Amino acid sequence: MDLTIVGCSGSFPGPDSAASCYLVVADGFRLLLDLGSGALGSLQNHADLTGIDAVCLSHLHADHCLDMCGYNVVRTYHPSGPLPRIPVYGPAGTAARLDRAAGSDTGHSIDGAFDFVTLEPGKIDIGPLAVTAVRMNHPVETFGFRLEHAGRVIAYSADTGPTEQLTALAAGADVLLCEASFVDGPGLPPDLHLTGGQAAGYAARAGVGRLVLTHLVPWNSKDRALDEASAVFGGDLCLAAPGMVV
């Protein structure tokens, strides 16, 4: 599997990165994990927009799903004609949420471009990938994903506050792509996001091969997030960056 970081900015696009979006390619099958604010533009640097085979949306906050509205335009009004519907896996209510955001008064419902599938905890085959969805600790229904193919494992935390579900999701993974929205300090909102140190703690307990910190909020110091994580996790560790391929 190849994992390309399309966007890794947390909560809103930053000056150097779109919001959350990750491209996973396995045996030529192209799966998007999230398509957040600003990511559709960046995605065009890494993939033909007509060649995406499926999308998994972890949750319905704008920084993880809103560019699906623009992608709807691409697939509905492409010069070659409407593109075939592709599956979009997301929490309950995904189609209605995106239809409102896209402007359903256009007369073209968003489900004309996408075949929406409601996620539930458990395993599902998406192309050649065996995907396990697990609920995370976030104010709205949010799923983390474990992707397995050809003996390799990628785990993606999505957005989450502290939860031991993440340890199970990432157990033995080759790569844990984990959010690190917060830097350590007093008064952090509970059950919302992780610090770099907390992300590293889950990586250590899960025994992952490599930890990639993502969902990096522009007003926080990336170096501080990395320092907090390196104090806890002694394995392969790095910050996500647009264009990085793992």
C-alpha atoms as a PDB file:
ATOM      1  CA  MET A   1       0.000   0.000   0.000  1.00  0.00           C
ATOM      2  CA  ASP A   2       1.076   3.560  -0.709  1.00  0.00           C
ATOM      3  CA  LEU A   3      -0.216   6.271   1.635  1.00  0.00           C
ATOM      4  CA  THR A   4       0.011   9.831   0.297  1.00  0.00           C
ATOM      5  CA  ILE A   5      -0.600  12.806   2.573  1.00  0.00           C
ATOM      6  CA  VAL A   6      -2.828  15.148   0.557  1.00  0.00           C
ATOM      7  CA  GLY A   7      -3.791  17.456   3.447  1.00  0.00           C
ATOM      8  CA  CYS A   8      -2.839  17.306   7.118  1.00  0.00           C
ATOM      9  CA  SER A   9      -3.911  20.647   8.583  1.00  0.00           C
ATOM     10  CA  GLY A  10      -6.128  20.349  11.632  1.00  0.00           C
ATOM     11  CA  SER A  11      -9.563  21.959  11.973  1.00  0.00           C
ATOM     12  CA  PHE A  12      -9.073  24.322   9.011  1.00  0.00           C
ATOM     13  CA  PRO A  13      -6.685  24.658   6.059  1.00  0.00           C
ATOM     14  CA  GLY A  14      -3.315  26.170   6.889  1.00  0.00           C
ATOM     15  CA  PRO A  15      -1.007  28.292   4.753  1.00  0.00           C
ATOM     16  CA  ASP A  16       0.925  25.206   3.650  1.00  0.00           C
ATOM     17  CA  SER A  17      -1.685  22.455   3.720  1.00  0.00           C
ATOM     18  CA  ALA A  18      -5.281  21.609   3.041  1.00  0.00           C
ATOM     19  CA  ALA A  19      -7.363  20.006   5.757  1.00  0.00           C
ATOM     20  CA  SER A  20      -7.506  16.243   6.220  1.00  0.00           C
ATOM     21  CA  CYS A  21      -7.203  14.035   3.150  1.00  0.00           C
ATOM     22  CA  TYR A  22      -5.166  10.878   2.587  1.00  0.00           C
ATOM     23  CA  LEU A  23      -4.842   8.780  -0.564  1.00  0.00           C
ATOM     24  CA  VAL A  24      -4.280   5.038  -0.205  1.00  0.00           C
ATOM     25  CA  VAL A  25      -3.367   3.041  -3.309  1.00  0.00           C
ATOM     26  CA  ALA A  26      -3.317  -0.764  -3.333  1.00  0.00           C
ATOM     27  CA  ASP A  27      -3.084  -2.838  -6.515  1.00  0.00           C
ATOM     28  CA  GLY A  28      -4.121   0.237  -8.504  1.00  0.00           C
ATOM     29  CA  PHE A  29      -7.237   0.798  -6.366  1.00  0.00           C
ATOM     30  CA  ARG A  30      -7.458   4.402  -5.107  1.00  0.00           C
ATOM     31  CA  LEU A  31      -9.208   5.062  -1.795  1.00  0.00           C
ATOM     32  CA  LEU A  32      -9.560   8.491  -0.203  1.00  0.00           C
ATOM     33  CA  LEU A  33      -9.648   8.773   3.570  1.00  0.00           C
ATOM     34  CA  ASP A  34     -11.520  12.045   4.144  1.00  0.00           C
ATOM     35  CA  LEU A  35     -11.766  14.995   1.764  1.00  0.00           C
ATOM     36  CA  GLY A  36     -11.646  18.086   3.934  1.00  0.00           C
ATOM     37  CA  SER A  37     -11.599  21.807   3.252  1.00  0.00           C
ATOM     38  CA  GLY A  38      -9.187  22.715   0.438  1.00  0.00           C
ATOM     39  CA  ALA A  39      -8.173  19.125  -0.258  1.00  0.00           C
ATOM     40  CA  LEU A  40      -9.771  18.762  -3.687  1.00  0.00           C
ATOM     41  CA  GLY A  41      -7.266  21.209  -5.150  1.00  0.00           C
ATOM     42  CA  SER A  42      -4.272  19.483  -3.571  1.00  0.00           C
ATOM     43  CA  LEU A  43      -5.551  16.054  -4.568  1.00  0.00           C
ATOM     44  CA  GLN A  44      -5.067  16.958  -8.227  1.00  0.00           C
ATOM     45  CA  ASN A  45      -1.301  16.971  -7.626  1.00  0.00           C
ATOM     46  CA  HIS A  46      -1.448  13.271  -6.759  1.00  0.00           C
ATOM     47  CA  ALA A  47      -4.328  11.638  -8.639  1.00  0.00           C
ATOM     48  CA  ASP A  48      -6.628  12.010 -11.613  1.00  0.00           C
ATOM     49  CA  LEU A  49      -9.971  13.056 -10.167  1.00  0.00           C
ATOM     50  CA  THR A  50     -11.705  10.629 -12.518  1.00  0.00           C
ATOM     51  CA  GLY A  51      -9.645   7.744 -11.123  1.00  0.00           C
ATOM     52  CA  ILE A  52     -10.769   7.656  -7.481  1.00  0.00           C
ATOM     53  CA  ASP A  53     -12.480   4.345  -6.721  1.00  0.00           C
ATOM     54  CA  ALA A  54     -13.978   4.934  -3.248  1.00  0.00           C
ATOM     55  CA  VAL A  55     -14.068   7.399  -0.349  1.00  0.00           C
ATOM     56  CA  CYS A  56     -14.181   6.803   3.403  1.00  0.00           C
ATOM     57  CA  LEU A  57     -15.338   9.758   5.498  1.00  0.00           C
ATOM     58  CA  SER A  58     -14.409   9.466   9.154  1.00  0.00           C
ATOM     59  CA  HIS A  59     -16.963  12.048  10.278  1.00  0.00           C
ATOM     60  CA  LEU A  60     -19.006  15.010   9.131  1.00  0.00           C
ATOM     61  CA  HIS A  61     -17.011  17.998  10.366  1.00  0.00           C
ATOM     62  CA  ALA A  62     -16.156  20.358   7.522  1.00  0.00           C
ATOM     63  CA  ASP A  63     -12.400  19.837   7.732  1.00  0.00           C
ATOM     64  CA  HIS A  64     -12.929  16.152   6.893  1.00  0.00           C
ATOM     65  CA  CYS A  65     -15.751  16.119   4.355  1.00  0.00           C
ATOM     66  CA  LEU A  66     -16.665  19.489   2.861  1.00  0.00           C
ATOM     67  CA  ASP A  67     -14.709  19.214  -0.396  1.00  0.00           C
ATOM     68  CA  MET A  68     -17.017  16.374  -1.341  1.00  0.00           C
ATOM     69  CA  CYS A  69     -19.265  19.184  -2.566  1.00  0.00           C
ATOM     70  CA  GLY A  70     -16.707  20.253  -5.153  1.00  0.00           C
ATOM     71  CA  TYR A  71     -16.003  16.651  -6.032  1.00  0.00           C
ATOM     72  CA  ASN A  72     -19.710  16.243  -6.719  1.00  0.00           C
ATOM     73  CA  VAL A  73     -19.382  18.960  -9.363  1.00  0.00           C
ATOM     74  CA  VAL A  74     -16.428  17.142 -10.938  1.00  0.00           C
ATOM     75  CA  ARG A  75     -18.275  13.853 -11.192  1.00  0.00           C
ATOM     76  CA  THR A  76     -21.603  15.381 -12.271  1.00  0.00           C
ATOM     77  CA  TYR A  77     -20.422  17.885 -14.897  1.00  0.00           C
ATOM     78  CA  HIS A  78     -17.222  16.329 -16.259  1.00  0.00           C
ATOM     79  CA  PRO A  79     -16.631  17.251 -19.932  1.00  0.00           C
ATOM     80  CA  SER A  80     -16.769  13.584 -20.912  1.00  0.00           C
ATOM     81  CA  GLY A  81     -20.182  13.278 -19.273  1.00  0.00           C
ATOM     82  CA  PRO A  82     -21.310  12.240 -15.784  1.00  0.00           C
ATOM     83  CA  LEU A  83     -18.825   9.871 -14.196  1.00  0.00           C
ATOM     84  CA  PRO A  84     -19.938   6.522 -12.746  1.00  0.00           C
ATOM     85  CA  ARG A  85     -21.093   6.592  -9.133  1.00  0.00           C
ATOM     86  CA  ILE A  86     -18.459   5.524  -6.635  1.00  0.00           C
ATOM     87  CA  PRO A  87     -19.054   4.261  -3.090  1.00  0.00           C
ATOM     88  CA  VAL A  88     -18.737   6.738  -0.234  1.00  0.00           C
ATOM     89  CA  TYR A  89     -18.607   5.186   3.232  1.00  0.00           C
ATOM     90  CA  GLY A  90     -19.565   7.514   6.055  1.00  0.00           C
ATOM     91  CA  PRO A  91     -21.546   7.904   9.285  1.00  0.00           C
ATOM     92  CA  ALA A  92     -25.324   7.891   9.286  1.00  0.00           C
ATOM     93  CA  GLY A  93     -26.698  11.025   7.617  1.00  0.00           C
ATOM     94  CA  THR A  94     -23.707  11.613   5.331  1.00  0.00           C
ATOM     95  CA  ALA A  95     -25.745  11.972   2.137  1.00  0.00           C
ATOM     96  CA  ALA A  96     -28.188  14.452   3.686  1.00  0.00           C
ATOM     97  CA  ARG A  97     -25.384  16.480   5.286  1.00  0.00           C
ATOM     98  CA  LEU A  98     -23.446  16.801   2.032  1.00  0.00           C
ATOM     99  CA  ASP A  99     -26.584  17.435  -0.012  1.00  0.00           C
ATOM    100  CA  ARG A 100     -27.395  20.456   2.163  1.00  0.00           C
ATOM    101  CA  ALA A 101     -23.832  21.730   1.921  1.00  0.00           C
ATOM    102  CA  ALA A 102     -23.739  21.279  -1.851  1.00  0.00           C
ATOM    103  CA  GLY A 103     -27.046  23.121  -2.335  1.00  0.00           C
ATOM    104  CA  SER A 104     -29.757  20.604  -3.137  1.00  0.00           C
ATOM    105  CA  ASP A 105     -31.762  23.324  -4.908  1.00  0.00           C
ATOM    106  CA  THR A 106     -29.595  22.751  -7.996  1.00  0.00           C
ATOM    107  CA  GLY A 107     -31.839  19.851  -8.942  1.00  0.00           C
ATOM    108  CA  HIS A 108     -28.904  17.437  -8.830  1.00  0.00           C
ATOM    109  CA  SER A 109     -28.877  15.458  -5.601  1.00  0.00           C
ATOM    110  CA  ILE A 110     -25.390  14.477  -4.480  1.00  0.00           C
ATOM    111  CA  ASP A 111     -26.353  10.821  -4.501  1.00  0.00           C
ATOM    112  CA  GLY A 112     -26.414  11.056  -8.287  1.00  0.00           C
ATOM    113  CA  ALA A 113     -22.615  11.059  -8.150  1.00  0.00           C
ATOM    114  CA  PHE A 114     -22.011   8.870  -5.116  1.00  0.00           C
ATOM    115  CA  ASP A 115     -23.355   5.613  -3.736  1.00  0.00           C
ATOM    116  CA  PHE A 116     -23.541   6.285   0.002  1.00  0.00           C
ATOM    117  CA  VAL A 117     -22.932   3.411   2.410  1.00  0.00           C
ATOM    118  CA  THR A 118     -23.584   3.885   6.142  1.00  0.00           C
ATOM    119  CA  LEU A 119     -20.650   2.820   8.282  1.00  0.00           C
ATOM    120  CA  GLU A 120     -21.051   0.597  11.312  1.00  0.00           C
ATOM    121  CA  PRO A 121     -18.308  -0.716  13.590  1.00  0.00           C
ATOM    122  CA  GLY A 122     -16.764  -3.818  12.072  1.00  0.00           C
ATOM    123  CA  LYS A 123     -15.047  -5.091   8.942  1.00  0.00           C
ATOM    124  CA  ILE A 124     -15.798  -4.352   5.323  1.00  0.00           C
ATOM    125  CA  ASP A 125     -13.975  -5.092   2.082  1.00  0.00           C
ATOM    126  CA  ILE A 126     -13.320  -2.008  -0.046  1.00  0.00           C
ATOM    127  CA  GLY A 127     -11.667  -3.038  -3.283  1.00  0.00           C
ATOM    128  CA  PRO A 128      -8.607  -5.118  -2.327  1.00  0.00           C
ATOM    129  CA  LEU A 129      -8.484  -3.569   1.154  1.00  0.00           C
ATOM    130  CA  ALA A 130      -9.828  -5.169   4.319  1.00  0.00           C
ATOM    131  CA  VAL A 131     -11.084  -2.182   6.337  1.00  0.00           C
ATOM    132  CA  THR A 132     -12.077  -2.206   9.990  1.00  0.00           C
ATOM    133  CA  ALA A 133     -14.097   0.762  11.255  1.00  0.00           C
ATOM    134  CA  VAL A 134     -14.017   1.616  14.968  1.00  0.00           C
ATOM    135  CA  ARG A 135     -15.830   4.455  16.743  1.00  0.00           C
ATOM    136  CA  MET A 136     -13.523   7.083  18.193  1.00  0.00           C
ATOM    137  CA  ASN A 137     -14.045   9.595  21.029  1.00  0.00           C
ATOM    138  CA  HIS A 138     -15.268  12.812  19.364  1.00  0.00           C
ATOM    139  CA  PRO A 139     -18.400  14.988  19.765  1.00  0.00           C
ATOM    140  CA  VAL A 140     -19.970  13.604  16.579  1.00  0.00           C
ATOM    141  CA  GLU A 141     -20.006  10.016  15.365  1.00  0.00           C
ATOM    142  CA  THR A 142     -16.461   9.421  14.173  1.00  0.00           C
ATOM    143  CA  PHE A 143     -14.723   6.338  12.844  1.00  0.00           C
ATOM    144  CA  GLY A 144     -11.068   5.418  12.847  1.00  0.00           C
ATOM    145  CA  PHE A 145      -9.958   2.990  10.161  1.00  0.00           C
ATOM    146  CA  ARG A 146      -7.614   0.009  10.030  1.00  0.00           C
ATOM    147  CA  LEU A 147      -6.594  -0.914   6.475  1.00  0.00           C
ATOM    148  CA  GLU A 148      -5.021  -4.293   5.747  1.00  0.00           C
ATOM    149  CA  HIS A 149      -3.590  -5.574   2.484  1.00  0.00           C
ATOM    150  CA  ALA A 150      -0.852  -8.021   1.503  1.00  0.00           C
ATOM    151  CA  GLY A 151       0.355  -8.391   5.055  1.00  0.00           C
ATOM    152  CA  ARG A 152       0.627  -4.659   5.753  1.00  0.00           C
ATOM    153  CA  VAL A 153      -1.494  -2.493   8.056  1.00  0.00           C
ATOM    154  CA  ILE A 154      -2.248   1.234   8.123  1.00  0.00           C
ATOM    155  CA  ALA A 155      -4.250   2.608  11.059  1.00  0.00           C
ATOM    156  CA  TYR A 156      -5.860   6.060  10.927  1.00  0.00           C
ATOM    157  CA  SER A 157      -7.156   7.645  14.122  1.00  0.00           C
ATOM    158  CA  ALA A 158      -9.320  10.300  12.460  1.00  0.00           C
ATOM    159  CA  ASP A 159     -10.285  12.871  15.137  1.00  0.00           C
ATOM    160  CA  THR A 160     -10.426  11.576  18.681  1.00  0.00           C
ATOM    161  CA  GLY A 161      -9.929  12.350  22.300  1.00  0.00           C
ATOM    162  CA  PRO A 162      -8.387   9.734  24.577  1.00  0.00           C
ATOM    163  CA  THR A 163      -9.783   6.234  24.010  1.00  0.00           C
ATOM    164  CA  GLU A 164      -8.332   2.762  24.326  1.00  0.00           C
ATOM    165  CA  GLN A 165     -10.221   1.908  21.152  1.00  0.00           C
ATOM    166  CA  LEU A 166      -7.263   3.495  19.388  1.00  0.00           C
ATOM    167  CA  THR A 167      -4.841   1.006  20.950  1.00  0.00           C
ATOM    168  CA  ALA A 168      -6.865  -1.886  19.579  1.00  0.00           C
ATOM    169  CA  LEU A 169      -7.303  -0.208  16.181  1.00  0.00           C
ATOM    170  CA  ALA A 170      -3.548   0.297  15.789  1.00  0.00           C
ATOM    171  CA  ALA A 171      -2.302  -2.957  17.350  1.00  0.00           C
ATOM    172  CA  GLY A 172       0.796  -4.089  15.472  1.00  0.00           C
ATOM    173  CA  ALA A 173       0.201  -1.665  12.573  1.00  0.00           C
ATOM    174  CA  ASP A 174       3.063  -0.841  10.258  1.00  0.00           C
ATOM    175  CA  VAL A 175       1.939   2.799  10.245  1.00  0.00           C
ATOM    176  CA  LEU A 176      -0.286   4.745  12.622  1.00  0.00           C
ATOM    177  CA  LEU A 177      -1.514   8.003  11.122  1.00  0.00           C
ATOM    178  CA  CYS A 178      -2.622   9.746  14.286  1.00  0.00           C
ATOM    179  CA  GLU A 179      -4.015  13.149  15.062  1.00  0.00           C
ATOM    180  CA  ALA A 180      -2.014  15.503  17.297  1.00  0.00           C
ATOM    181  CA  SER A 181      -4.168  18.617  17.363  1.00  0.00           C
ATOM    182  CA  PHE A 182      -3.247  19.814  20.853  1.00  0.00           C
ATOM    183  CA  VAL A 183      -0.014  20.711  22.589  1.00  0.00           C
ATOM    184  CA  ASP A 184       0.179  19.825  26.248  1.00  0.00           C
ATOM    185  CA  GLY A 185      -1.075  22.420  28.693  1.00  0.00           C
ATOM    186  CA  PRO A 186      -3.856  23.277  31.120  1.00  0.00           C
ATOM    187  CA  GLY A 187      -7.497  23.666  30.162  1.00  0.00           C
ATOM    188  CA  LEU A 188      -7.587  21.412  27.104  1.00  0.00           C
ATOM    189  CA  PRO A 189     -11.164  20.528  26.113  1.00  0.00           C
ATOM    190  CA  PRO A 190     -11.960  16.931  27.073  1.00  0.00           C
ATOM    191  CA  ASP A 191     -12.962  14.225  24.600  1.00  0.00           C
ATOM    192  CA  LEU A 192     -12.033  16.245  21.534  1.00  0.00           C
ATOM    193  CA  HIS A 193      -8.422  15.764  20.363  1.00  0.00           C
ATOM    194  CA  LEU A 194      -5.021  14.358  21.342  1.00  0.00           C
ATOM    195  CA  THR A 195      -1.664  15.911  22.105  1.00  0.00           C
ATOM    196  CA  GLY A 196       1.476  14.641  20.431  1.00  0.00           C
ATOM    197  CA  GLY A 197       2.439  12.932  23.655  1.00  0.00           C
ATOM    198  CA  GLN A 198      -0.922  11.176  23.923  1.00  0.00           C
ATOM    199  CA  ALA A 199      -0.721  10.029  20.303  1.00  0.00           C
ATOM    200  CA  ALA A 200       2.736   8.647  21.012  1.00  0.00           C
ATOM    201  CA  GLY A 201       1.460   6.793  24.060  1.00  0.00           C
ATOM    202  CA  TYR A 202      -1.100   4.958  21.948  1.00  0.00           C
ATOM    203  CA  ALA A 203       1.556   4.183  19.335  1.00  0.00           C
ATOM    204  CA  ALA A 204       3.834   2.722  22.005  1.00  0.00           C
ATOM    205  CA  ARG A 205       1.101   0.627  23.602  1.00  0.00           C
ATOM    206  CA  ALA A 206      -0.061  -0.616  20.197  1.00  0.00           C
ATOM    207  CA  GLY A 207       3.470  -1.552  19.130  1.00  0.00           C
ATOM    208  CA  VAL A 208       3.287   0.235  15.786  1.00  0.00           C
ATOM    209  CA  GLY A 209       6.217   0.372  13.404  1.00  0.00           C
ATOM    210  CA  ARG A 210       5.916   4.036  12.487  1.00  0.00           C
ATOM    211  CA  LEU A 211       3.971   6.967  13.911  1.00  0.00           C
ATOM    212  CA  VAL A 212       2.972   9.827  11.615  1.00  0.00           C
ATOM    213  CA  LEU A 213       1.469  12.818  13.426  1.00  0.00           C
ATOM    214  CA  THR A 214      -1.258  14.615  11.510  1.00  0.00           C
ATOM    215  CA  HIS A 215      -4.214  17.015  11.934  1.00  0.00           C
ATOM    216  CA  LEU A 216      -1.677  19.674  12.905  1.00  0.00           C
ATOM    217  CA  VAL A 217      -3.503  22.893  13.796  1.00  0.00           C
ATOM    218  CA  PRO A 218      -1.807  25.902  12.147  1.00  0.00           C
ATOM    219  CA  TRP A 219      -1.530  28.002  15.307  1.00  0.00           C
ATOM    220  CA  ASN A 220       0.357  25.289  17.213  1.00  0.00           C
ATOM    221  CA  SER A 221       4.079  24.566  17.005  1.00  0.00           C
ATOM    222  CA  LYS A 222       4.792  21.466  14.916  1.00  0.00           C
ATOM    223  CA  ASP A 223       8.204  21.151  16.560  1.00  0.00           C
ATOM    224  CA  ARG A 224       6.573  21.080  19.976  1.00  0.00           C
ATOM    225  CA  ALA A 225       4.168  18.331  18.874  1.00  0.00           C
ATOM    226  CA  LEU A 226       7.125  16.321  17.627  1.00  0.00           C
ATOM    227  CA  ASP A 227       9.095  16.896  20.826  1.00  0.00           C
ATOM    228  CA  GLU A 228       6.162  15.813  22.991  1.00  0.00           C
ATOM    229  CA  ALA A 229       5.770  12.652  20.942  1.00  0.00           C
ATOM    230  CA  SER A 230       9.466  11.780  20.833  1.00  0.00           C
ATOM    231  CA  ALA A 231       9.602  11.892  24.639  1.00  0.00           C
ATOM    232  CA  VAL A 232       7.098   9.023  24.751  1.00  0.00           C
ATOM    233  CA  PHE A 233       7.605   6.977  21.561  1.00  0.00           C
ATOM    234  CA  GLY A 234      11.084   5.720  20.734  1.00  0.00           C
ATOM    235  CA  GLY A 235      10.230   4.254  17.337  1.00  0.00           C
ATOM    236  CA  ASP A 236      10.099   5.709  13.837  1.00  0.00           C
ATOM    237  CA  LEU A 237       8.330   9.067  14.170  1.00  0.00           C
ATOM    238  CA  CYS A 238       7.611  11.988  11.858  1.00  0.00           C
ATOM    239  CA  LEU A 239       5.209  14.816  11.116  1.00  0.00           C
ATOM    240  CA  ALA A 240       2.808  14.496   8.208  1.00  0.00           C
ATOM    241  CA  ALA A 241       3.472  16.900   5.362  1.00  0.00           C
ATOM    242  CA  PRO A 242       1.615  17.453   2.080  1.00  0.00           C
ATOM    243  CA  GLY A 243       3.006  15.220  -0.646  1.00  0.00           C
ATOM    244  CA  MET A 244       4.657  12.766   1.753  1.00  0.00           C
ATOM    245  CA  VAL A 245       4.348   9.177   0.545  1.00  0.00           C
ATOM    246  CA  VAL A 246       4.623   6.292   3.010  1.00  0.00           C
END
